[in-house]
Protein backbone atom coordinates (compact mmCIF):
# COMPACT_ATOMS: atom_id res chain seq x y z
CA MET A 1 6.98 -3.89 27.79
CA GLU A 2 9.37 -1.00 28.18
CA ARG A 3 10.16 1.31 25.28
CA LEU A 4 13.67 2.73 25.41
CA ASP A 5 15.46 5.55 23.60
CA GLY A 6 18.42 4.08 21.75
CA GLY A 7 20.50 7.15 22.51
CA SER A 8 20.12 6.96 26.30
CA ALA A 9 21.61 4.67 28.92
CA VAL A 10 19.66 1.46 29.39
CA PRO A 11 18.11 0.88 32.85
CA ALA A 12 20.30 -1.31 35.07
CA GLY A 13 17.79 -4.16 34.98
CA LEU A 14 18.10 -4.40 31.20
CA ALA A 15 21.88 -4.11 30.96
CA GLY A 16 23.74 -7.12 29.59
CA GLY A 17 20.78 -8.11 27.47
CA ILE A 18 20.66 -9.97 24.18
CA VAL A 19 19.60 -7.47 21.52
CA ALA A 20 17.88 -8.37 18.25
CA LEU A 21 19.12 -5.68 15.89
CA GLY A 22 17.35 -4.65 12.69
CA ASN A 23 14.54 -2.53 11.35
CA PHE A 24 11.85 -5.22 11.62
CA ASP A 25 9.19 -3.29 9.69
CA GLY A 26 6.42 -5.79 9.12
CA PHE A 27 7.87 -8.31 11.59
CA HIS A 28 7.53 -11.10 9.04
CA LEU A 29 8.78 -14.70 9.32
CA GLY A 30 12.40 -13.66 8.80
CA HIS A 31 12.24 -10.97 11.47
CA GLN A 32 10.50 -13.37 13.82
CA ALA A 33 13.37 -15.82 13.41
CA VAL A 34 15.92 -13.17 14.44
CA VAL A 35 13.92 -12.04 17.47
CA GLY A 36 13.15 -15.64 18.37
CA ARG A 37 16.86 -16.46 18.41
CA ALA A 38 17.57 -13.43 20.63
CA VAL A 39 14.83 -14.41 23.08
CA GLU A 40 16.08 -18.01 23.13
CA ARG A 41 19.65 -16.88 23.84
CA ALA A 42 18.48 -14.46 26.52
CA ARG A 43 16.37 -17.03 28.34
CA ALA A 44 19.15 -19.63 28.20
CA GLY A 45 21.59 -17.17 29.74
CA GLY A 46 19.25 -15.59 32.27
CA ARG A 47 19.47 -12.24 30.50
CA PRO A 48 16.87 -9.73 29.33
CA ALA A 49 15.76 -9.83 25.68
CA LEU A 50 15.57 -6.54 23.77
CA VAL A 51 14.57 -5.69 20.21
CA ALA A 52 16.18 -2.64 18.61
CA THR A 53 14.45 -0.92 15.69
CA PHE A 54 14.88 2.32 13.76
CA ASP A 55 12.38 5.16 13.42
CA PRO A 56 11.92 6.75 11.00
CA HIS A 57 13.00 4.08 8.57
CA PRO A 58 16.44 4.95 7.12
CA VAL A 59 14.94 5.02 3.63
CA ARG A 60 12.62 7.83 4.76
CA TYR A 61 15.61 9.82 6.01
CA PHE A 62 17.76 9.39 2.91
CA ARG A 63 14.92 9.56 0.36
CA PRO A 64 12.19 11.68 1.96
CA ASP A 65 10.12 11.80 -1.25
CA THR A 66 9.71 8.01 -1.32
CA PRO A 67 5.98 7.08 -1.39
CA PRO A 68 4.60 5.64 1.86
CA PHE A 69 5.86 2.11 2.45
CA ARG A 70 5.58 1.33 6.18
CA LEU A 71 4.02 -2.00 7.18
CA THR A 72 3.77 -1.30 10.93
CA THR A 73 3.74 1.59 13.35
CA LEU A 74 5.98 1.65 16.42
CA ASP A 75 2.97 0.78 18.58
CA GLN A 76 2.20 -2.25 16.45
CA ARG A 77 5.83 -3.36 16.54
CA ALA A 78 5.91 -2.99 20.33
CA ARG A 79 2.94 -5.33 20.69
CA LEU A 80 4.42 -7.84 18.26
CA PHE A 81 7.81 -7.80 19.99
CA ALA A 82 6.17 -8.27 23.38
CA ALA A 83 4.15 -11.22 22.08
CA ALA A 84 7.41 -12.74 20.80
CA GLY A 85 8.86 -12.62 24.31
CA ALA A 86 10.92 -9.42 24.29
CA ASP A 87 11.31 -7.49 27.54
CA ALA A 88 11.91 -4.11 25.91
CA MET A 89 11.92 -2.31 22.57
CA VAL A 90 14.82 0.03 21.83
CA VAL A 91 14.09 2.80 19.31
CA PHE A 92 17.05 4.33 17.52
CA HIS A 93 15.86 7.69 16.23
CA PHE A 94 17.26 7.86 12.70
CA ASP A 95 18.43 11.45 12.24
CA ALA A 96 21.51 13.25 10.92
CA THR A 97 23.52 12.30 14.01
CA LEU A 98 22.80 8.59 13.69
CA ALA A 99 23.21 8.65 9.91
CA GLY A 100 26.66 10.19 10.33
CA LEU A 101 27.93 7.66 12.88
CA HIS A 102 30.62 5.37 11.54
CA ALA A 103 30.03 1.70 12.30
CA ASP A 104 32.71 1.63 15.00
CA ALA A 105 31.16 4.64 16.72
CA PHE A 106 27.70 3.07 16.55
CA VAL A 107 29.03 0.00 18.34
CA THR A 108 30.98 1.99 20.92
CA GLU A 109 28.40 4.68 21.66
CA ARG A 110 25.09 2.92 21.15
CA LEU A 111 25.53 -0.81 21.61
CA VAL A 112 28.28 -0.85 24.24
CA GLY A 113 27.90 2.60 25.81
CA ALA A 114 24.13 3.08 25.95
CA LEU A 115 22.70 -0.46 25.76
CA ARG A 116 25.58 -2.30 27.48
CA VAL A 117 24.79 -5.32 25.34
CA GLY A 118 25.65 -8.85 26.33
CA GLY A 119 24.94 -10.14 22.85
CA VAL A 120 23.61 -9.14 19.45
CA VAL A 121 21.48 -11.20 17.07
CA THR A 122 20.80 -9.99 13.53
CA GLY A 123 20.31 -11.16 9.96
CA GLU A 124 23.26 -12.36 7.92
CA ASP A 125 22.99 -9.41 5.51
CA PHE A 126 22.72 -6.67 8.16
CA THR A 127 24.75 -3.52 7.50
CA PHE A 128 25.00 -0.38 9.62
CA GLY A 129 26.88 2.85 10.15
CA HIS A 130 27.71 5.76 7.86
CA ARG A 131 27.66 4.63 4.22
CA LYS A 132 27.00 1.08 5.46
CA SER A 133 30.53 0.93 6.82
CA GLY A 134 29.71 -1.97 9.16
CA ASP A 135 28.62 -5.54 8.57
CA ILE A 136 28.62 -8.85 10.45
CA ALA A 137 32.40 -9.07 10.38
CA THR A 138 32.56 -5.62 11.98
CA LEU A 139 30.15 -6.73 14.71
CA ARG A 140 32.06 -9.94 15.40
CA ALA A 141 35.35 -8.06 15.71
CA ALA A 142 33.77 -5.53 18.04
CA GLY A 143 32.16 -8.28 20.09
CA ALA A 144 35.52 -9.99 20.56
CA VAL A 145 37.01 -6.74 21.87
CA ASN A 146 34.07 -5.64 24.01
CA GLY A 147 32.88 -8.98 25.31
CA PHE A 148 29.52 -9.44 23.63
CA SER A 149 28.36 -12.38 21.53
CA VAL A 150 27.19 -12.07 17.92
CA ASP A 151 24.71 -14.49 16.33
CA THR A 152 23.31 -14.32 12.81
CA VAL A 153 20.17 -15.84 11.36
CA GLY A 154 19.93 -16.79 7.71
CA ALA A 155 17.04 -15.99 5.40
CA VAL A 156 13.76 -17.79 6.03
CA MET A 157 12.48 -19.40 2.84
CA LEU A 158 8.85 -19.73 1.77
CA ASP A 159 7.82 -21.12 -1.63
CA GLY A 160 11.47 -21.26 -2.64
CA GLU A 161 12.19 -17.58 -2.03
CA PRO A 162 13.48 -15.61 0.96
CA VAL A 163 10.79 -13.93 3.05
CA SER A 164 11.25 -10.16 2.96
CA SER A 165 9.39 -6.92 3.49
CA THR A 166 9.71 -6.37 -0.26
CA ARG A 167 7.72 -9.55 -0.90
CA VAL A 168 5.07 -8.46 1.61
CA ARG A 169 4.73 -5.07 -0.08
CA ALA A 170 4.54 -6.67 -3.51
CA ALA A 171 1.75 -9.01 -2.41
CA LEU A 172 -0.27 -6.14 -0.94
CA GLY A 173 0.30 -4.01 -4.03
CA ALA A 174 -0.99 -6.87 -6.17
CA GLY A 175 -4.20 -7.18 -4.15
CA ASP A 176 -3.12 -10.41 -2.42
CA PRO A 177 -3.60 -9.85 1.33
CA ARG A 178 -3.69 -13.59 2.00
CA GLY A 179 -0.29 -13.97 0.34
CA ALA A 180 1.03 -11.15 2.51
CA ALA A 181 -0.46 -12.79 5.60
CA ARG A 182 1.45 -16.02 4.90
CA LEU A 183 4.70 -14.04 4.99
CA LEU A 184 3.67 -12.01 8.05
CA THR A 185 1.95 -14.93 9.87
CA ARG A 186 -1.01 -12.59 10.43
CA PRO A 187 -3.13 -10.21 8.33
CA PHE A 188 -1.67 -6.85 7.35
CA ALA A 189 -3.36 -4.30 9.60
CA ILE A 190 -3.84 -0.53 9.48
CA GLU A 191 -4.21 1.24 12.80
CA GLY A 192 -5.42 4.74 13.59
CA ARG A 193 -8.13 6.83 15.20
CA VAL A 194 -11.54 6.98 13.59
CA GLN A 195 -12.11 10.29 11.85
CA HIS A 196 -15.22 12.29 11.16
CA GLY A 197 -16.02 12.12 7.46
CA ASP A 198 -18.72 13.56 5.24
CA LYS A 199 -21.15 10.96 6.68
CA LEU A 200 -22.52 9.96 3.25
CA GLY A 201 -22.35 6.29 4.18
CA ARG A 202 -24.89 6.58 6.96
CA THR A 203 -27.42 8.18 4.59
CA ILE A 204 -27.42 5.02 2.43
CA GLY A 205 -27.30 2.51 5.29
CA TYR A 206 -23.55 1.90 5.28
CA PRO A 207 -21.90 4.01 8.00
CA THR A 208 -18.12 3.70 7.88
CA ALA A 209 -15.30 4.18 10.40
CA ASN A 210 -12.80 6.24 8.42
CA LEU A 211 -9.04 5.91 8.90
CA ASP A 212 -6.29 7.98 7.33
CA MET A 213 -3.60 5.84 5.67
CA GLY A 214 -0.81 7.99 7.09
CA LYS A 215 2.66 6.51 6.51
CA TYR A 216 1.40 3.03 5.71
CA LEU A 217 2.10 1.33 2.42
CA ARG A 218 -0.83 1.73 0.01
CA PRO A 219 -2.13 -1.73 -0.86
CA ALA A 220 -4.06 -2.15 -4.10
CA TYR A 221 -7.06 0.17 -4.09
CA GLY A 222 -10.34 -1.64 -3.91
CA ILE A 223 -12.88 -3.41 -1.75
CA TYR A 224 -11.71 -5.77 0.98
CA ALA A 225 -13.17 -8.21 3.46
CA VAL A 226 -11.84 -6.93 6.79
CA ARG A 227 -11.77 -7.48 10.52
CA GLY A 228 -11.73 -4.56 12.93
CA ARG A 229 -10.24 -4.75 16.40
CA LEU A 230 -11.48 -2.25 18.97
CA ALA A 231 -9.62 -1.08 22.05
CA ASP A 232 -12.02 -3.01 24.28
CA GLY A 233 -11.13 -6.29 22.57
CA ARG A 234 -14.17 -6.63 20.36
CA VAL A 235 -13.58 -8.03 16.88
CA LEU A 236 -15.89 -6.90 14.08
CA ASP A 237 -16.32 -8.38 10.61
CA GLY A 238 -16.87 -6.02 7.74
CA ALA A 239 -16.16 -4.80 4.23
CA ALA A 240 -14.01 -1.77 3.43
CA ASN A 241 -13.19 0.53 0.60
CA LEU A 242 -9.50 1.43 0.44
CA GLY A 243 -8.81 4.20 -2.05
CA ILE A 244 -10.06 7.54 -3.26
CA ARG A 245 -13.83 6.89 -3.50
CA PRO A 246 -14.24 7.62 -7.24
CA SER A 247 -18.03 7.91 -6.96
CA PHE A 248 -17.74 10.95 -4.70
CA ASP A 249 -16.36 14.44 -5.17
CA PRO A 250 -13.76 15.49 -4.25
CA PRO A 251 -11.62 12.32 -4.25
CA LYS A 252 -10.16 11.61 -0.81
CA GLU A 253 -7.88 8.74 0.12
CA LEU A 254 -9.24 6.75 3.06
CA LEU A 255 -9.73 3.30 4.47
CA GLU A 256 -13.49 3.10 5.06
CA PRO A 257 -14.63 -0.07 6.83
CA PHE A 258 -18.31 -0.83 7.28
CA PHE A 259 -18.85 -3.33 10.10
CA PHE A 260 -21.70 -5.81 9.89
CA ASP A 261 -24.27 -6.00 12.68
CA PHE A 262 -22.67 -3.13 14.60
CA SER A 263 -24.10 0.13 15.84
CA GLY A 264 -22.18 2.58 17.92
CA ASP A 265 -20.05 5.70 17.89
CA LEU A 266 -16.41 5.00 17.06
CA TYR A 267 -15.34 8.58 16.37
CA GLY A 268 -11.99 9.35 17.97
CA GLN A 269 -11.46 5.78 19.11
CA PRO A 270 -8.40 3.68 18.20
CA LEU A 271 -9.14 1.02 15.61
CA GLU A 272 -7.03 -1.61 13.88
CA VAL A 273 -8.34 -2.95 10.58
CA GLU A 274 -7.01 -6.22 9.16
CA LEU A 275 -7.17 -6.75 5.39
CA ILE A 276 -8.33 -10.36 4.96
CA ASP A 277 -9.36 -10.74 1.31
CA TYR A 278 -9.46 -8.60 -1.82
CA ILE A 279 -12.89 -8.52 -3.46
CA ARG A 280 -12.61 -6.14 -6.42
CA PRO A 281 -10.96 -2.92 -7.64
CA GLU A 282 -12.50 0.47 -6.99
CA ALA A 283 -15.12 1.56 -9.51
CA LYS A 284 -17.14 4.67 -10.26
CA PHE A 285 -20.93 4.33 -10.36
CA ASP A 286 -23.23 6.64 -12.28
CA THR A 287 -26.10 6.41 -9.80
CA LEU A 288 -26.48 6.00 -6.07
CA ASP A 289 -28.76 2.99 -6.62
CA ALA A 290 -26.04 1.24 -8.62
CA LEU A 291 -23.52 1.97 -5.88
CA VAL A 292 -25.80 0.63 -3.13
CA ALA A 293 -26.56 -2.53 -5.14
CA GLN A 294 -22.84 -3.16 -5.56
CA MET A 295 -22.20 -2.54 -1.87
CA GLU A 296 -24.84 -5.12 -0.97
CA SER A 297 -23.09 -7.61 -3.23
CA ASP A 298 -19.67 -6.72 -1.78
CA CYS A 299 -20.87 -7.19 1.78
CA ALA A 300 -22.40 -10.57 0.95
CA ARG A 301 -19.11 -11.62 -0.62
CA ALA A 302 -17.14 -10.35 2.38
CA ARG A 303 -19.37 -12.27 4.81
CA ALA A 304 -18.79 -15.46 2.84
CA LEU A 305 -15.01 -14.96 2.72
CA LEU A 306 -14.77 -14.17 6.41
CA ALA A 307 -16.88 -17.22 7.32
CA ARG A 308 -14.29 -19.57 5.80
């Protein structure tokens, strides 16, 4: 799938496309409904289907001190959009120029000028432009003038409440990865390259593949049953500590998965780790023997949860 710069002219083969417009961080059930509608409209009209997203997230631009909150990287979103049927992902780089664009200018310069849209699909509550100067009514008026269609998709409900990224983040913060997965339709996953650590795990029989949390939301610290996905397609079951490792000095925030029945060198390799179940909070142990005994128990619990 092609990845396009939202500030540049779209290739001729993708002009006139139906564009799903939003941030789509997490790509939960509600986001999937918007993109699904865009793909459906595109296929029915013989047009390309594009998904437009923003990076960095506007919140990060306007409130740079906000704690990490991202649910997906651009690479993860690209794979998810492709699996949903999109032909291309458009990335609007959110900087001072984009933040200063009035809604009318955003439509004229970006949607009509650069993307040459044939249609736009977005959520009913979508706003855009400087100081949120544009909304669905703005889009519809612009579409009537410039010859593109505008479709909106209402909120998707689950358990009597709208599905949202806020609900996903709340579930993860509460140590409920299965609840988050119901909203996402897949497990929340952290992706990165395996780092060299202090290698303490291998000395006690539990070598870990350490990942930095980067810009991802911090789920509840603790021990998780996890699945790792390697670049070669292998899927590995395991248990992971997510947190600051209180039994070791100095504290260091990491995701540290230990994969069962696996031996090999993963250093420097890309790895995606899915959080499947929450086992317990982090704890500090007074002795190494107590820590190892607890890890044995955690791994047994993780095996049982993953076997369900």
